Amino acid sequence: MARIRKPANPFRYFNSSPEVIRLVVLMYVRFPLSLRNVEDLLFERGIDIDVCDETVRLWWNRFGPMFAGEVRRKRGLCHWHVDEMYVKLKGEMVYLWRAVDQEGEILESFVTKTRDKQAALTFMKKALKRHGSPEAITTDGLRSYGAAMNELGNRNKQDCVEKPAAEIGGSASLGAVWRGRPRLCGRWGGGPRD
């Protein structure tokens, strides 16, 4: 019979309490303070522990990502922007797929040689597994996203916007530019033709 293991306490090897560590890290991140200013503020508050500026830096590097993840999870669902671009990597041209949240933080990146449904599906599965399902996913007009999202069953979360032809230098969506509105995933947004 397998034993159920409790998750290890991340504060177990530190002499200070978790509350003090959390206070120190959040003070350093939230306010424009130097490491030594945080040390001085703790001393002025009467927290007389052996905290030097290097301890503050160590705690920030070790616990900062953990606290940021807690804040992000409490904030709830988010909005993603997903795109792909053609880049040169080690002398070879490949596609770089990226998912970015509403705060501009890169959630996931993935490199493939192809730009098809299978590559989009692999990328979306990887991002959804690691970061959960967002409220909405904004994509460009690439049909591979729609096919992958159909297979995953979250096509209703897709907000698909093509760039106007003036921005991309082509005439693929010239009709949308003339009408003054972007083309939305093959469907025109309102008008006499709908």
N, C-alpha and C. Protein backbone atom coordinates (compact mmCIF):
# COMPACT_ATOMS: atom_id res chain seq x y z
N MET A 1 0.84 -1.18 0.00
CA MET A 1 0.00 0.00 0.00
C MET A 1 0.89 1.24 0.00
N ALA A 2 0.63 2.12 -0.93
CA ALA A 2 1.46 3.32 -1.07
C ALA A 2 1.10 4.35 0.00
N ARG A 3 2.14 4.98 0.51
CA ARG A 3 1.92 6.04 1.49
C ARG A 3 1.65 7.35 0.78
N ILE A 4 0.74 8.10 1.31
CA ILE A 4 0.45 9.42 0.76
C ILE A 4 1.44 10.40 1.36
N ARG A 5 2.20 11.07 0.48
CA ARG A 5 3.22 12.01 0.94
C ARG A 5 2.63 13.41 0.99
N LYS A 6 2.90 14.06 2.09
CA LYS A 6 2.51 15.46 2.21
C LYS A 6 3.50 16.31 1.42
N PRO A 7 3.02 17.39 0.80
CA PRO A 7 3.97 18.26 0.10
C PRO A 7 4.97 18.85 1.09
N ALA A 8 6.20 18.92 0.68
CA ALA A 8 7.26 19.42 1.56
C ALA A 8 7.04 20.90 1.85
N ASN A 9 7.31 21.29 3.07
CA ASN A 9 7.20 22.68 3.48
C ASN A 9 8.36 23.46 2.89
N PRO A 10 8.12 24.47 2.05
CA PRO A 10 9.24 25.20 1.44
C PRO A 10 10.04 26.02 2.43
N PHE A 11 9.50 26.26 3.62
CA PHE A 11 10.18 27.09 4.62
C PHE A 11 10.94 26.24 5.65
N ARG A 12 11.06 24.94 5.45
CA ARG A 12 11.55 24.04 6.49
C ARG A 12 13.02 24.27 6.87
N TYR A 13 13.84 24.78 5.98
CA TYR A 13 15.25 24.95 6.30
C TYR A 13 15.61 26.37 6.71
N PHE A 14 14.62 27.21 6.94
CA PHE A 14 14.87 28.60 7.30
C PHE A 14 14.51 28.83 8.76
N ASN A 15 15.33 29.63 9.45
CA ASN A 15 15.09 29.90 10.86
C ASN A 15 13.97 30.91 11.09
N SER A 16 13.69 31.73 10.11
CA SER A 16 12.64 32.75 10.25
C SER A 16 11.27 32.14 9.97
N SER A 17 10.25 32.80 10.49
CA SER A 17 8.89 32.30 10.29
C SER A 17 8.43 32.58 8.85
N PRO A 18 7.50 31.80 8.34
CA PRO A 18 6.99 32.05 6.99
C PRO A 18 6.34 33.43 6.84
N GLU A 19 5.74 33.94 7.90
CA GLU A 19 5.11 35.26 7.84
C GLU A 19 6.15 36.36 7.61
N VAL A 20 7.30 36.25 8.28
CA VAL A 20 8.36 37.25 8.11
C VAL A 20 8.94 37.15 6.69
N ILE A 21 9.15 35.95 6.22
CA ILE A 21 9.69 35.78 4.86
C ILE A 21 8.73 36.36 3.84
N ARG A 22 7.43 36.09 4.01
CA ARG A 22 6.42 36.63 3.09
C ARG A 22 6.41 38.16 3.14
N LEU A 23 6.49 38.74 4.33
CA LEU A 23 6.51 40.19 4.49
C LEU A 23 7.72 40.79 3.78
N VAL A 24 8.89 40.19 3.97
CA VAL A 24 10.11 40.71 3.36
C VAL A 24 10.02 40.67 1.84
N VAL A 25 9.59 39.54 1.29
CA VAL A 25 9.52 39.39 -0.17
C VAL A 25 8.48 40.35 -0.75
N LEU A 26 7.32 40.45 -0.14
CA LEU A 26 6.27 41.33 -0.67
C LEU A 26 6.65 42.81 -0.54
N MET A 27 7.38 43.18 0.53
CA MET A 27 7.86 44.56 0.65
C MET A 27 8.83 44.89 -0.48
N TYR A 28 9.73 43.96 -0.77
CA TYR A 28 10.73 44.20 -1.81
C TYR A 28 10.09 44.27 -3.19
N VAL A 29 9.10 43.42 -3.44
CA VAL A 29 8.47 43.38 -4.75
C VAL A 29 7.48 44.53 -4.93
N ARG A 30 6.68 44.81 -3.91
CA ARG A 30 5.59 45.78 -4.04
C ARG A 30 6.06 47.22 -4.08
N PHE A 31 7.07 47.55 -3.32
CA PHE A 31 7.53 48.93 -3.21
C PHE A 31 8.91 49.09 -3.84
N PRO A 32 9.22 50.27 -4.36
CA PRO A 32 10.53 50.46 -5.00
C PRO A 32 11.64 50.64 -3.95
N LEU A 33 11.95 49.56 -3.28
CA LEU A 33 12.96 49.59 -2.22
C LEU A 33 14.18 48.79 -2.63
N SER A 34 15.32 49.20 -2.13
CA SER A 34 16.52 48.39 -2.35
C SER A 34 16.55 47.30 -1.29
N LEU A 35 17.45 46.36 -1.47
CA LEU A 35 17.57 45.27 -0.50
C LEU A 35 17.93 45.80 0.89
N ARG A 36 18.81 46.79 0.92
CA ARG A 36 19.19 47.37 2.22
C ARG A 36 18.06 48.17 2.85
N ASN A 37 17.24 48.83 2.02
CA ASN A 37 16.09 49.55 2.57
C ASN A 37 15.10 48.60 3.23
N VAL A 38 14.89 47.43 2.66
CA VAL A 38 14.01 46.43 3.27
C VAL A 38 14.59 45.99 4.60
N GLU A 39 15.89 45.77 4.64
CA GLU A 39 16.56 45.39 5.88
C GLU A 39 16.37 46.46 6.95
N ASP A 40 16.52 47.75 6.58
CA ASP A 40 16.35 48.85 7.53
C ASP A 40 14.91 48.97 8.02
N LEU A 41 13.94 48.79 7.11
CA LEU A 41 12.53 48.86 7.51
C LEU A 41 12.17 47.75 8.49
N LEU A 42 12.70 46.57 8.28
CA LEU A 42 12.44 45.48 9.23
C LEU A 42 13.02 45.82 10.61
N PHE A 43 14.21 46.39 10.63
CA PHE A 43 14.82 46.76 11.91
C PHE A 43 13.99 47.83 12.60
N GLU A 44 13.49 48.82 11.84
CA GLU A 44 12.66 49.88 12.43
C GLU A 44 11.34 49.35 12.95
N ARG A 45 10.81 48.30 12.34
CA ARG A 45 9.55 47.70 12.80
C ARG A 45 9.76 46.80 14.00
N GLY A 46 10.97 46.58 14.39
CA GLY A 46 11.24 45.74 15.56
C GLY A 46 11.39 44.28 15.23
N ILE A 47 11.48 43.95 13.98
CA ILE A 47 11.71 42.55 13.60
C ILE A 47 13.22 42.36 13.65
N ASP A 48 13.66 41.89 14.79
CA ASP A 48 15.10 41.78 15.04
C ASP A 48 15.55 40.34 14.79
N ILE A 49 15.70 40.03 13.54
CA ILE A 49 16.22 38.74 13.17
C ILE A 49 17.47 38.98 12.34
N ASP A 50 18.21 37.97 12.11
CA ASP A 50 19.44 38.12 11.36
C ASP A 50 19.12 38.18 9.87
N VAL A 51 18.65 39.36 9.43
CA VAL A 51 18.30 39.55 8.02
C VAL A 51 19.26 40.59 7.45
N CYS A 52 20.04 40.17 6.48
CA CYS A 52 20.89 41.12 5.77
C CYS A 52 20.37 41.23 4.34
N ASP A 53 20.97 42.12 3.57
CA ASP A 53 20.47 42.33 2.22
C ASP A 53 20.61 41.08 1.36
N GLU A 54 21.63 40.27 1.61
CA GLU A 54 21.78 39.03 0.84
C GLU A 54 20.71 38.01 1.22
N THR A 55 20.24 38.03 2.46
CA THR A 55 19.15 37.16 2.87
C THR A 55 17.87 37.56 2.15
N VAL A 56 17.63 38.86 2.05
CA VAL A 56 16.45 39.35 1.34
C VAL A 56 16.51 38.91 -0.13
N ARG A 57 17.66 39.02 -0.74
CA ARG A 57 17.82 38.60 -2.14
C ARG A 57 17.59 37.10 -2.29
N LEU A 58 18.13 36.31 -1.37
CA LEU A 58 17.94 34.87 -1.41
C LEU A 58 16.47 34.51 -1.28
N TRP A 59 15.76 35.13 -0.32
CA TRP A 59 14.34 34.86 -0.14
C TRP A 59 13.53 35.29 -1.36
N TRP A 60 13.90 36.43 -1.94
CA TRP A 60 13.18 36.90 -3.13
C TRP A 60 13.35 35.93 -4.29
N ASN A 61 14.58 35.44 -4.50
CA ASN A 61 14.82 34.47 -5.59
C ASN A 61 14.13 33.14 -5.33
N ARG A 62 14.08 32.72 -4.08
CA ARG A 62 13.53 31.40 -3.76
C ARG A 62 12.02 31.41 -3.67
N PHE A 63 11.43 32.43 -3.02
CA PHE A 63 10.00 32.42 -2.74
C PHE A 63 9.19 33.37 -3.63
N GLY A 64 9.85 34.27 -4.35
CA GLY A 64 9.13 35.20 -5.20
C GLY A 64 8.24 34.52 -6.23
N PRO A 65 8.76 33.56 -7.01
CA PRO A 65 7.90 32.87 -7.97
C PRO A 65 6.73 32.12 -7.31
N MET A 66 6.96 31.56 -6.12
CA MET A 66 5.90 30.84 -5.42
C MET A 66 4.78 31.81 -5.01
N PHE A 67 5.15 32.97 -4.46
CA PHE A 67 4.14 33.95 -4.07
C PHE A 67 3.42 34.52 -5.28
N ALA A 68 4.15 34.75 -6.38
CA ALA A 68 3.53 35.25 -7.60
C ALA A 68 2.52 34.25 -8.15
N GLY A 69 2.84 32.97 -8.07
CA GLY A 69 1.90 31.94 -8.51
C GLY A 69 0.65 31.91 -7.66
N GLU A 70 0.79 32.11 -6.34
CA GLU A 70 -0.37 32.16 -5.45
C GLU A 70 -1.27 33.33 -5.81
N VAL A 71 -0.66 34.49 -6.04
CA VAL A 71 -1.45 35.68 -6.41
C VAL A 71 -2.16 35.45 -7.73
N ARG A 72 -1.47 34.85 -8.70
CA ARG A 72 -2.06 34.60 -10.00
C ARG A 72 -3.23 33.62 -9.89
N ARG A 73 -3.10 32.59 -9.06
CA ARG A 73 -4.18 31.63 -8.90
C ARG A 73 -5.38 32.26 -8.21
N LYS A 74 -5.14 33.15 -7.23
CA LYS A 74 -6.25 33.81 -6.54
C LYS A 74 -6.99 34.78 -7.45
N ARG A 75 -6.27 35.34 -8.42
CA ARG A 75 -6.85 36.30 -9.34
C ARG A 75 -7.89 35.63 -10.25
N GLY A 76 -7.76 34.34 -10.44
CA GLY A 76 -8.76 33.61 -11.21
C GLY A 76 -8.38 33.44 -12.66
N LEU A 77 -9.40 33.21 -13.47
CA LEU A 77 -9.19 32.96 -14.89
C LEU A 77 -8.67 34.21 -15.59
N CYS A 78 -8.00 33.99 -16.69
CA CYS A 78 -7.39 35.11 -17.39
C CYS A 78 -7.67 35.02 -18.88
N HIS A 79 -7.10 35.94 -19.62
CA HIS A 79 -7.25 36.03 -21.06
C HIS A 79 -5.88 35.79 -21.69
N TRP A 80 -5.81 34.91 -22.67
CA TRP A 80 -4.54 34.60 -23.33
C TRP A 80 -4.52 35.19 -24.73
N HIS A 81 -3.33 35.53 -25.18
CA HIS A 81 -3.07 35.88 -26.57
C HIS A 81 -2.09 34.84 -27.09
N VAL A 82 -2.45 34.17 -28.18
CA VAL A 82 -1.64 33.09 -28.72
C VAL A 82 -1.23 33.47 -30.14
N ASP A 83 0.05 33.29 -30.45
CA ASP A 83 0.50 33.57 -31.80
C ASP A 83 1.70 32.69 -32.14
N GLU A 84 2.08 32.73 -33.41
CA GLU A 84 3.25 32.01 -33.86
C GLU A 84 4.05 32.93 -34.76
N MET A 85 5.34 32.70 -34.82
CA MET A 85 6.18 33.50 -35.71
C MET A 85 7.30 32.63 -36.26
N TYR A 86 7.82 33.04 -37.38
CA TYR A 86 8.87 32.32 -38.09
C TYR A 86 10.20 32.94 -37.69
N VAL A 87 11.06 32.15 -37.02
CA VAL A 87 12.34 32.66 -36.51
C VAL A 87 13.47 31.73 -36.92
N LYS A 88 14.68 32.27 -36.87
CA LYS A 88 15.87 31.46 -37.16
C LYS A 88 16.46 31.01 -35.84
N LEU A 89 16.60 29.69 -35.69
CA LEU A 89 17.13 29.10 -34.47
C LEU A 89 18.25 28.14 -34.85
N LYS A 90 19.46 28.45 -34.43
CA LYS A 90 20.65 27.65 -34.78
C LYS A 90 20.78 27.51 -36.29
N GLY A 91 20.52 28.57 -37.01
CA GLY A 91 20.68 28.57 -38.45
C GLY A 91 19.55 27.93 -39.21
N GLU A 92 18.50 27.49 -38.54
CA GLU A 92 17.37 26.83 -39.18
C GLU A 92 16.10 27.63 -38.92
N MET A 93 15.27 27.79 -39.94
CA MET A 93 14.02 28.52 -39.79
C MET A 93 12.95 27.61 -39.18
N VAL A 94 12.37 28.03 -38.05
CA VAL A 94 11.36 27.24 -37.34
C VAL A 94 10.23 28.17 -36.90
N TYR A 95 9.13 27.57 -36.43
CA TYR A 95 8.00 28.34 -35.91
C TYR A 95 8.06 28.36 -34.39
N LEU A 96 7.94 29.55 -33.82
CA LEU A 96 7.90 29.73 -32.38
C LEU A 96 6.46 30.07 -32.00
N TRP A 97 5.82 29.20 -31.25
CA TRP A 97 4.45 29.40 -30.78
C TRP A 97 4.53 29.97 -29.37
N ARG A 98 3.71 30.99 -29.08
CA ARG A 98 3.74 31.62 -27.75
C ARG A 98 2.33 31.84 -27.23
N ALA A 99 2.18 31.72 -25.91
CA ALA A 99 0.95 32.08 -25.22
C ALA A 99 1.33 33.14 -24.18
N VAL A 100 0.64 34.28 -24.21
CA VAL A 100 0.93 35.40 -23.33
C VAL A 100 -0.36 35.75 -22.58
N ASP A 101 -0.27 36.00 -21.27
CA ASP A 101 -1.48 36.35 -20.52
C ASP A 101 -1.76 37.84 -20.62
N GLN A 102 -2.83 38.30 -19.95
CA GLN A 102 -3.25 39.70 -20.09
C GLN A 102 -2.26 40.68 -19.47
N GLU A 103 -1.36 40.19 -18.64
CA GLU A 103 -0.35 41.06 -18.03
C GLU A 103 0.93 41.11 -18.86
N GLY A 104 0.98 40.37 -19.97
CA GLY A 104 2.14 40.37 -20.83
C GLY A 104 3.20 39.34 -20.47
N GLU A 105 2.90 38.48 -19.52
CA GLU A 105 3.85 37.45 -19.12
C GLU A 105 3.73 36.25 -20.07
N ILE A 106 4.87 35.77 -20.56
CA ILE A 106 4.86 34.63 -21.47
C ILE A 106 4.59 33.37 -20.64
N LEU A 107 3.47 32.73 -20.94
CA LEU A 107 3.09 31.53 -20.21
C LEU A 107 3.77 30.29 -20.76
N GLU A 108 3.79 30.18 -22.07
CA GLU A 108 4.30 28.98 -22.71
C GLU A 108 4.90 29.33 -24.05
N SER A 109 5.94 28.63 -24.42
CA SER A 109 6.51 28.76 -25.76
C SER A 109 6.86 27.37 -26.26
N PHE A 110 6.82 27.21 -27.58
CA PHE A 110 6.97 25.90 -28.19
C PHE A 110 7.55 26.09 -29.58
N VAL A 111 8.52 25.27 -29.96
CA VAL A 111 9.18 25.39 -31.26
C VAL A 111 8.85 24.17 -32.10
N THR A 112 8.42 24.41 -33.36
CA THR A 112 8.15 23.32 -34.30
C THR A 112 8.68 23.68 -35.68
N LYS A 113 8.78 22.67 -36.52
CA LYS A 113 9.19 22.90 -37.90
C LYS A 113 7.98 23.15 -38.79
N THR A 114 6.80 22.79 -38.32
CA THR A 114 5.59 22.93 -39.13
C THR A 114 4.62 23.92 -38.49
N ARG A 115 3.68 24.37 -39.30
CA ARG A 115 2.66 25.31 -38.85
C ARG A 115 1.31 24.72 -39.25
N ASP A 116 0.95 23.61 -38.61
CA ASP A 116 -0.26 22.90 -38.98
C ASP A 116 -1.09 22.60 -37.73
N LYS A 117 -2.17 21.84 -37.93
CA LYS A 117 -3.08 21.52 -36.84
C LYS A 117 -2.37 20.74 -35.75
N GLN A 118 -1.53 19.77 -36.12
CA GLN A 118 -0.85 18.95 -35.12
C GLN A 118 0.06 19.79 -34.24
N ALA A 119 0.79 20.73 -34.82
CA ALA A 119 1.66 21.60 -34.03
C ALA A 119 0.84 22.49 -33.10
N ALA A 120 -0.26 23.05 -33.61
CA ALA A 120 -1.13 23.89 -32.78
C ALA A 120 -1.76 23.08 -31.66
N LEU A 121 -2.17 21.85 -31.97
CA LEU A 121 -2.79 20.99 -30.96
C LEU A 121 -1.80 20.63 -29.86
N THR A 122 -0.57 20.28 -30.23
CA THR A 122 0.45 19.95 -29.24
C THR A 122 0.75 21.15 -28.34
N PHE A 123 0.86 22.33 -28.96
CA PHE A 123 1.14 23.55 -28.20
C PHE A 123 -0.02 23.88 -27.24
N MET A 124 -1.25 23.80 -27.74
CA MET A 124 -2.41 24.13 -26.90
C MET A 124 -2.56 23.14 -25.75
N LYS A 125 -2.34 21.86 -26.00
CA LYS A 125 -2.42 20.86 -24.93
C LYS A 125 -1.39 21.14 -23.85
N LYS A 126 -0.18 21.47 -24.28
CA LYS A 126 0.90 21.76 -23.33
C LYS A 126 0.56 22.98 -22.48
N ALA A 127 0.07 24.04 -23.12
CA ALA A 127 -0.26 25.27 -22.39
C ALA A 127 -1.44 25.05 -21.45
N LEU A 128 -2.47 24.36 -21.91
CA LEU A 128 -3.65 24.14 -21.07
C LEU A 128 -3.33 23.22 -19.90
N LYS A 129 -2.48 22.23 -20.11
CA LYS A 129 -2.12 21.33 -19.02
C LYS A 129 -1.35 22.06 -17.93
N ARG A 130 -0.45 22.93 -18.33
CA ARG A 130 0.41 23.61 -17.36
C ARG A 130 -0.29 24.79 -16.68
N HIS A 131 -1.15 25.52 -17.41
CA HIS A 131 -1.70 26.76 -16.86
C HIS A 131 -3.21 26.77 -16.70
N GLY A 132 -3.89 25.69 -17.00
CA GLY A 132 -5.34 25.64 -16.86
C GLY A 132 -6.03 26.33 -18.02
N SER A 133 -7.34 26.34 -17.96
CA SER A 133 -8.13 26.88 -19.06
C SER A 133 -8.46 28.36 -18.81
N PRO A 134 -8.17 29.23 -19.76
CA PRO A 134 -8.48 30.66 -19.59
C PRO A 134 -9.92 30.97 -19.96
N GLU A 135 -10.36 32.20 -19.67
CA GLU A 135 -11.70 32.65 -20.06
C GLU A 135 -11.81 32.75 -21.57
N ALA A 136 -10.79 33.33 -22.20
CA ALA A 136 -10.81 33.55 -23.64
C ALA A 136 -9.39 33.44 -24.19
N ILE A 137 -9.30 33.04 -25.45
CA ILE A 137 -8.02 32.92 -26.12
C ILE A 137 -8.10 33.72 -27.41
N THR A 138 -7.30 34.77 -27.51
CA THR A 138 -7.25 35.58 -28.73
C THR A 138 -6.17 35.03 -29.64
N THR A 139 -6.56 34.74 -30.89
CA THR A 139 -5.62 34.21 -31.86
C THR A 139 -5.68 35.05 -33.12
N ASP A 140 -4.73 34.80 -34.03
CA ASP A 140 -4.82 35.43 -35.34
C ASP A 140 -5.70 34.54 -36.23
N GLY A 141 -5.72 34.79 -37.51
CA GLY A 141 -6.63 34.09 -38.40
C GLY A 141 -6.16 32.72 -38.86
N LEU A 142 -5.12 32.16 -38.26
CA LEU A 142 -4.61 30.86 -38.68
C LEU A 142 -5.65 29.79 -38.39
N ARG A 143 -5.99 29.00 -39.41
CA ARG A 143 -7.04 27.99 -39.27
C ARG A 143 -6.62 26.84 -38.38
N SER A 144 -5.33 26.64 -38.19
CA SER A 144 -4.86 25.55 -37.33
C SER A 144 -5.32 25.73 -35.89
N TYR A 145 -5.42 26.98 -35.44
CA TYR A 145 -5.92 27.22 -34.08
C TYR A 145 -7.35 26.75 -33.94
N GLY A 146 -8.19 27.10 -34.91
CA GLY A 146 -9.58 26.69 -34.85
C GLY A 146 -9.73 25.18 -34.87
N ALA A 147 -8.97 24.50 -35.73
CA ALA A 147 -9.04 23.04 -35.79
C ALA A 147 -8.57 22.41 -34.48
N ALA A 148 -7.50 22.93 -33.92
CA ALA A 148 -6.99 22.40 -32.65
C ALA A 148 -7.97 22.65 -31.52
N MET A 149 -8.56 23.83 -31.49
CA MET A 149 -9.50 24.15 -30.42
C MET A 149 -10.80 23.37 -30.58
N ASN A 150 -11.20 23.06 -31.81
CA ASN A 150 -12.36 22.18 -32.02
C ASN A 150 -12.09 20.81 -31.42
N GLU A 151 -10.90 20.29 -31.66
CA GLU A 151 -10.57 18.97 -31.14
C GLU A 151 -10.48 18.97 -29.62
N LEU A 152 -10.03 20.07 -29.03
CA LEU A 152 -9.94 20.17 -27.57
C LEU A 152 -11.29 20.49 -26.94
N GLY A 153 -12.23 20.96 -27.74
CA GLY A 153 -13.57 21.27 -27.23
C GLY A 153 -13.71 22.63 -26.59
N ASN A 154 -12.82 23.56 -26.92
CA ASN A 154 -12.94 24.90 -26.35
C ASN A 154 -12.96 25.97 -27.44
N ARG A 155 -13.58 25.67 -28.55
CA ARG A 155 -13.67 26.63 -29.66
C ARG A 155 -14.48 27.86 -29.27
N ASN A 156 -15.43 27.68 -28.35
CA ASN A 156 -16.25 28.82 -27.92
C ASN A 156 -15.45 29.88 -27.17
N LYS A 157 -14.26 29.54 -26.71
CA LYS A 157 -13.40 30.51 -26.00
C LYS A 157 -12.51 31.30 -26.96
N GLN A 158 -12.52 30.94 -28.24
CA GLN A 158 -11.61 31.58 -29.19
C GLN A 158 -12.16 32.91 -29.65
N ASP A 159 -11.31 33.92 -29.57
CA ASP A 159 -11.60 35.24 -30.10
C ASP A 159 -10.55 35.47 -31.18
N CYS A 160 -10.96 35.32 -32.44
CA CYS A 160 -10.02 35.29 -33.55
C CYS A 160 -10.07 36.60 -34.31
N VAL A 161 -8.95 37.30 -34.38
CA VAL A 161 -8.90 38.59 -35.06
C VAL A 161 -7.75 38.59 -36.05
N GLU A 162 -8.03 38.93 -37.30
CA GLU A 162 -6.98 39.07 -38.30
C GLU A 162 -6.49 40.50 -38.30
N LYS A 163 -5.23 40.69 -38.66
CA LYS A 163 -4.68 42.03 -38.81
C LYS A 163 -5.20 42.62 -40.11
N PRO A 164 -5.46 43.93 -40.15
CA PRO A 164 -5.86 44.54 -41.40
C PRO A 164 -4.78 44.41 -42.46
N ALA A 165 -5.18 44.40 -43.73
CA ALA A 165 -4.24 44.22 -44.83
C ALA A 165 -3.17 45.31 -44.86
N ALA A 166 -3.51 46.52 -44.40
CA ALA A 166 -2.55 47.62 -44.39
C ALA A 166 -1.38 47.30 -43.46
N GLU A 167 -1.64 46.54 -42.36
CA GLU A 167 -0.57 46.19 -41.43
C GLU A 167 0.29 45.05 -41.93
N ILE A 168 -0.32 44.07 -42.61
CA ILE A 168 0.45 42.90 -43.03
C ILE A 168 0.97 43.04 -44.45
N GLY A 169 0.56 44.07 -45.18
CA GLY A 169 1.10 44.31 -46.51
C GLY A 169 0.48 43.47 -47.60
N GLY A 170 -0.58 42.75 -47.31
CA GLY A 170 -1.24 41.92 -48.31
C GLY A 170 -2.64 42.40 -48.58
N SER A 171 -3.40 41.60 -49.31
CA SER A 171 -4.77 42.00 -49.59
C SER A 171 -5.74 40.93 -49.12
N ALA A 172 -5.32 40.07 -48.19
CA ALA A 172 -6.17 38.97 -47.74
C ALA A 172 -7.43 39.48 -47.06
N SER A 173 -7.32 40.53 -46.27
CA SER A 173 -8.50 41.03 -45.57
C SER A 173 -8.80 42.46 -45.99
N LEU A 174 -8.60 42.77 -47.26
CA LEU A 174 -8.82 44.11 -47.75
C LEU A 174 -10.27 44.54 -47.62
N GLY A 175 -11.19 43.60 -47.82
CA GLY A 175 -12.60 43.91 -47.67
C GLY A 175 -12.93 44.37 -46.26
N ALA A 176 -12.30 43.75 -45.28
CA ALA A 176 -12.53 44.14 -43.89
C ALA A 176 -12.00 45.54 -43.63
N VAL A 177 -10.89 45.90 -44.26
CA VAL A 177 -10.34 47.24 -44.08
C VAL A 177 -11.27 48.27 -44.72
N TRP A 178 -11.81 47.96 -45.90
CA TRP A 178 -12.71 48.90 -46.56
C TRP A 178 -13.98 49.11 -45.75
N ARG A 179 -14.45 48.09 -45.09
CA ARG A 179 -15.66 48.22 -44.29
C ARG A 179 -15.38 48.81 -42.91
N GLY A 180 -14.11 48.96 -42.57
CA GLY A 180 -13.75 49.61 -41.32
C GLY A 180 -13.85 48.74 -40.09
N ARG A 181 -13.85 47.42 -40.26
CA ARG A 181 -13.91 46.55 -39.09
C ARG A 181 -13.08 45.29 -39.38
N PRO A 182 -12.53 44.68 -38.33
CA PRO A 182 -11.71 43.49 -38.55
C PRO A 182 -12.57 42.28 -38.89
N ARG A 183 -11.96 41.34 -39.56
CA ARG A 183 -12.64 40.10 -39.89
C ARG A 183 -12.50 39.15 -38.71
N LEU A 184 -13.57 38.54 -38.29
CA LEU A 184 -13.56 37.67 -37.13
C LEU A 184 -13.76 36.22 -37.54
N CYS A 185 -12.70 35.47 -37.61
CA CYS A 185 -12.72 34.03 -37.86
C CYS A 185 -13.62 33.62 -39.01
N GLY A 186 -13.58 34.31 -40.12
CA GLY A 186 -14.37 33.91 -41.26
C GLY A 186 -15.80 34.39 -41.22
N ARG A 187 -16.21 35.05 -40.13
CA ARG A 187 -17.58 35.57 -40.02
C ARG A 187 -17.49 37.08 -39.96
N TRP A 188 -18.32 37.76 -40.70
CA TRP A 188 -18.32 39.22 -40.67
C TRP A 188 -19.13 39.67 -39.49
N GLY A 189 -18.64 40.66 -38.77
CA GLY A 189 -19.30 41.14 -37.57
C GLY A 189 -20.35 42.19 -37.87
N GLY A 190 -21.55 41.76 -38.19
CA GLY A 190 -22.66 42.68 -38.43
C GLY A 190 -22.64 43.27 -39.81
N GLY A 191 -23.75 43.63 -40.33
CA GLY A 191 -23.81 44.26 -41.64
C GLY A 191 -24.87 43.62 -42.52
N PRO A 192 -25.05 44.15 -43.71
CA PRO A 192 -26.15 43.68 -44.56
C PRO A 192 -25.94 42.27 -45.10
N ARG A 193 -24.71 41.76 -45.13
CA ARG A 193 -24.46 40.43 -45.69
C ARG A 193 -24.71 39.29 -44.71
N ASP A 194 -24.86 39.60 -43.44
CA ASP A 194 -24.98 38.54 -42.43
C ASP A 194 -26.32 37.86 -42.48
